[in-house]
Structure formats: structure tokens, C-alpha cells
Amino acid sequence: MSEFTERHVGKDIDVLINKNVVLSPHIIDPFLFSGQQLHIPIPAGATGAESMETIEKLVSGKLILELSSRDHQ
């Protein structure tokens, strides 16, 4: 994810789960984790319990997370 966001600084991206867009942030700075955790509420506006359920499904492989560039140039 760090490499992807480094290549897409200044651009809009889509975060998809099972081909459905759940978040479309504008990348201002690359995500450089350095051992830190990233918190993305998925789906957007989800409660903590809903986010945890989605994360468990992602970790188990029941859902697929993708990042996609929305380059409008």
C-alpha cells in the first residue's frame, strides 16, 4: 500500500471490497507505515463492530480488498 500511495500522491483512488467502492480518498501524502497500523473505517461510516466484521472477512479471504487509481487526466 505504501508503494501504491507513493505513486498516486495528488490523485483520487478507490478502495474496493469485492468490486464495490467503499471509500474514494484523495491521496495527499503517501501512507508510510513504519510499523504503525492504518485505520480505515470500512465500509465508510461503519460502526466499530461493522468494521471489525468486515476486517475479519478480509483476513479470512471471504472478501477481497483492491486499490484502484481514478486518474482523471
N, C-alpha and C. Protein backbone atom coordinates (compact mmCIF):
# COMPACT_ATOMS: atom_id res chain seq x y z
N MET A 1 0.82 -1.18 0.00
CA MET A 1 0.00 0.00 0.00
C MET A 1 0.88 1.26 0.00
N SER A 2 2.01 1.19 0.69
CA SER A 2 2.91 2.35 0.71
C SER A 2 3.37 2.70 -0.70
N GLU A 3 3.80 1.70 -1.47
CA GLU A 3 4.26 1.95 -2.84
C GLU A 3 3.13 2.49 -3.72
N PHE A 4 1.95 1.93 -3.59
CA PHE A 4 0.80 2.38 -4.38
C PHE A 4 0.50 3.84 -4.10
N THR A 5 0.43 4.21 -2.81
CA THR A 5 0.09 5.59 -2.48
C THR A 5 1.22 6.56 -2.84
N GLU A 6 2.46 6.10 -2.79
CA GLU A 6 3.57 6.96 -3.24
C GLU A 6 3.41 7.31 -4.72
N ARG A 7 2.98 6.34 -5.53
CA ARG A 7 2.80 6.56 -6.97
C ARG A 7 1.56 7.40 -7.29
N HIS A 8 0.64 7.51 -6.34
CA HIS A 8 -0.63 8.19 -6.61
C HIS A 8 -0.87 9.44 -5.77
N VAL A 9 0.18 10.04 -5.23
CA VAL A 9 0.03 11.29 -4.48
C VAL A 9 -0.57 12.34 -5.40
N GLY A 10 -1.57 13.06 -4.89
CA GLY A 10 -2.24 14.09 -5.68
C GLY A 10 -3.38 13.57 -6.53
N LYS A 11 -3.68 12.28 -6.41
CA LYS A 11 -4.73 11.67 -7.22
C LYS A 11 -5.83 11.10 -6.34
N ASP A 12 -6.97 10.86 -6.94
CA ASP A 12 -8.07 10.17 -6.28
C ASP A 12 -7.92 8.68 -6.52
N ILE A 13 -8.22 7.88 -5.50
CA ILE A 13 -8.21 6.43 -5.66
C ILE A 13 -9.53 5.87 -5.15
N ASP A 14 -9.82 4.66 -5.52
CA ASP A 14 -10.96 3.93 -4.99
C ASP A 14 -10.45 2.77 -4.17
N VAL A 15 -11.08 2.53 -3.04
CA VAL A 15 -10.85 1.35 -2.23
C VAL A 15 -12.08 0.47 -2.44
N LEU A 16 -11.86 -0.73 -2.96
CA LEU A 16 -12.96 -1.62 -3.29
C LEU A 16 -12.93 -2.88 -2.43
N ILE A 17 -14.10 -3.35 -2.07
CA ILE A 17 -14.23 -4.64 -1.43
C ILE A 17 -15.20 -5.44 -2.28
N ASN A 18 -14.71 -6.58 -2.77
CA ASN A 18 -15.49 -7.43 -3.69
C ASN A 18 -16.06 -6.61 -4.84
N LYS A 19 -15.19 -5.78 -5.45
CA LYS A 19 -15.51 -4.96 -6.63
C LYS A 19 -16.46 -3.80 -6.35
N ASN A 20 -16.83 -3.57 -5.07
CA ASN A 20 -17.71 -2.46 -4.70
C ASN A 20 -16.88 -1.36 -4.04
N VAL A 21 -17.01 -0.13 -4.54
CA VAL A 21 -16.27 1.00 -3.97
C VAL A 21 -16.83 1.30 -2.58
N VAL A 22 -15.94 1.30 -1.57
CA VAL A 22 -16.35 1.58 -0.20
C VAL A 22 -15.77 2.90 0.31
N LEU A 23 -14.77 3.43 -0.41
CA LEU A 23 -14.10 4.66 0.00
C LEU A 23 -13.37 5.20 -1.20
N SER A 24 -13.36 6.54 -1.38
CA SER A 24 -12.66 7.15 -2.50
C SER A 24 -11.85 8.36 -2.02
N PRO A 25 -10.73 8.10 -1.36
CA PRO A 25 -9.94 9.22 -0.83
C PRO A 25 -9.07 9.88 -1.90
N HIS A 26 -8.70 11.13 -1.62
CA HIS A 26 -7.70 11.86 -2.41
C HIS A 26 -6.39 11.70 -1.65
N ILE A 27 -5.36 11.21 -2.32
CA ILE A 27 -4.08 10.94 -1.66
C ILE A 27 -3.26 12.23 -1.61
N ILE A 28 -3.08 12.75 -0.40
CA ILE A 28 -2.29 13.97 -0.21
C ILE A 28 -0.83 13.59 0.07
N ASP A 29 -0.63 12.59 0.90
CA ASP A 29 0.69 12.10 1.26
C ASP A 29 0.68 10.58 1.15
N PRO A 30 1.82 9.97 0.84
CA PRO A 30 1.86 8.51 0.81
C PRO A 30 1.66 7.94 2.20
N PHE A 31 1.08 6.74 2.26
CA PHE A 31 0.92 6.03 3.53
C PHE A 31 2.23 5.32 3.82
N LEU A 32 3.02 5.86 4.71
CA LEU A 32 4.28 5.25 5.11
C LEU A 32 4.11 4.73 6.53
N PHE A 33 3.95 3.45 6.66
CA PHE A 33 3.51 2.86 7.91
C PHE A 33 4.59 2.78 8.98
N SER A 34 5.79 2.43 8.64
CA SER A 34 6.87 2.29 9.61
C SER A 34 6.43 1.51 10.85
N GLY A 35 5.71 0.40 10.62
CA GLY A 35 5.27 -0.44 11.72
C GLY A 35 4.00 0.02 12.41
N GLN A 36 3.40 1.11 11.93
CA GLN A 36 2.17 1.61 12.53
C GLN A 36 0.96 1.02 11.82
N GLN A 37 -0.16 0.97 12.54
CA GLN A 37 -1.39 0.46 11.95
C GLN A 37 -2.13 1.56 11.21
N LEU A 38 -2.83 1.18 10.17
CA LEU A 38 -3.68 2.09 9.42
C LEU A 38 -5.11 1.79 9.79
N HIS A 39 -5.89 2.82 10.08
CA HIS A 39 -7.31 2.63 10.39
C HIS A 39 -8.14 3.24 9.28
N ILE A 40 -8.85 2.41 8.56
CA ILE A 40 -9.79 2.86 7.53
C ILE A 40 -11.15 2.30 7.91
N PRO A 41 -12.14 3.18 8.19
CA PRO A 41 -13.46 2.66 8.50
C PRO A 41 -14.09 2.06 7.25
N ILE A 42 -14.27 0.76 7.23
CA ILE A 42 -14.83 0.09 6.06
C ILE A 42 -16.03 -0.73 6.48
N PRO A 43 -17.13 -0.56 5.81
CA PRO A 43 -17.42 0.49 4.83
C PRO A 43 -17.48 1.86 5.50
N ALA A 44 -17.36 2.93 4.69
CA ALA A 44 -17.36 4.29 5.22
C ALA A 44 -18.59 4.50 6.10
N GLY A 45 -18.38 5.10 7.25
CA GLY A 45 -19.48 5.36 8.17
C GLY A 45 -19.88 4.16 9.01
N ALA A 46 -19.16 3.07 8.90
CA ALA A 46 -19.50 1.86 9.64
C ALA A 46 -19.21 2.04 11.13
N THR A 47 -19.95 1.32 11.93
CA THR A 47 -19.67 1.29 13.37
C THR A 47 -18.41 0.46 13.60
N GLY A 48 -17.88 0.51 14.80
CA GLY A 48 -16.71 -0.29 15.12
C GLY A 48 -16.96 -1.77 14.91
N ALA A 49 -18.14 -2.25 15.30
CA ALA A 49 -18.48 -3.67 15.15
C ALA A 49 -18.58 -4.06 13.68
N GLU A 50 -19.17 -3.18 12.87
CA GLU A 50 -19.30 -3.47 11.44
C GLU A 50 -17.93 -3.49 10.77
N SER A 51 -17.07 -2.55 11.14
CA SER A 51 -15.71 -2.54 10.59
C SER A 51 -14.96 -3.80 10.98
N MET A 52 -15.08 -4.23 12.23
CA MET A 52 -14.39 -5.44 12.68
C MET A 52 -14.89 -6.67 11.92
N GLU A 53 -16.19 -6.74 11.67
CA GLU A 53 -16.74 -7.86 10.91
C GLU A 53 -16.17 -7.88 9.49
N THR A 54 -16.09 -6.71 8.86
CA THR A 54 -15.53 -6.62 7.51
C THR A 54 -14.06 -7.01 7.52
N ILE A 55 -13.31 -6.53 8.50
CA ILE A 55 -11.88 -6.86 8.60
C ILE A 55 -11.68 -8.36 8.79
N GLU A 56 -12.48 -8.98 9.63
CA GLU A 56 -12.38 -10.43 9.83
C GLU A 56 -12.62 -11.18 8.52
N LYS A 57 -13.58 -10.72 7.73
CA LYS A 57 -13.86 -11.37 6.44
C LYS A 57 -12.71 -11.14 5.45
N LEU A 58 -12.09 -9.96 5.50
CA LEU A 58 -10.94 -9.70 4.63
C LEU A 58 -9.77 -10.60 4.99
N VAL A 59 -9.49 -10.70 6.28
CA VAL A 59 -8.37 -11.53 6.76
C VAL A 59 -8.60 -13.00 6.42
N SER A 60 -9.84 -13.45 6.53
CA SER A 60 -10.15 -14.86 6.26
C SER A 60 -10.19 -15.18 4.76
N GLY A 61 -10.21 -14.14 3.92
CA GLY A 61 -10.27 -14.36 2.47
C GLY A 61 -11.68 -14.42 1.92
N LYS A 62 -12.68 -14.18 2.76
CA LYS A 62 -14.07 -14.19 2.28
C LYS A 62 -14.39 -12.94 1.48
N LEU A 63 -13.62 -11.85 1.69
CA LEU A 63 -13.76 -10.62 0.93
C LEU A 63 -12.41 -10.26 0.33
N ILE A 64 -12.42 -9.52 -0.78
CA ILE A 64 -11.18 -9.11 -1.44
C ILE A 64 -11.08 -7.59 -1.44
N LEU A 65 -9.94 -7.06 -0.98
CA LEU A 65 -9.67 -5.63 -0.95
C LEU A 65 -8.81 -5.27 -2.15
N GLU A 66 -9.19 -4.22 -2.87
CA GLU A 66 -8.42 -3.73 -4.01
C GLU A 66 -8.26 -2.22 -3.90
N LEU A 67 -7.17 -1.70 -4.46
CA LEU A 67 -6.97 -0.26 -4.61
C LEU A 67 -6.92 0.03 -6.10
N SER A 68 -7.58 1.10 -6.52
CA SER A 68 -7.63 1.43 -7.94
C SER A 68 -7.45 2.94 -8.11
N SER A 69 -6.66 3.33 -9.09
CA SER A 69 -6.46 4.75 -9.39
C SER A 69 -7.66 5.29 -10.15
N ARG A 70 -8.07 6.51 -9.83
CA ARG A 70 -9.13 7.19 -10.58
C ARG A 70 -8.53 8.40 -11.25
N ASP A 71 -7.52 8.20 -12.04
CA ASP A 71 -6.77 9.28 -12.67
C ASP A 71 -7.67 9.97 -13.71
N HIS A 72 -8.03 11.22 -13.47
CA HIS A 72 -8.94 11.96 -14.35
C HIS A 72 -8.20 12.83 -15.36
N GLN A 73 -6.94 12.56 -15.61
CA GLN A 73 -6.16 13.40 -16.52
C GLN A 73 -6.34 12.98 -17.95
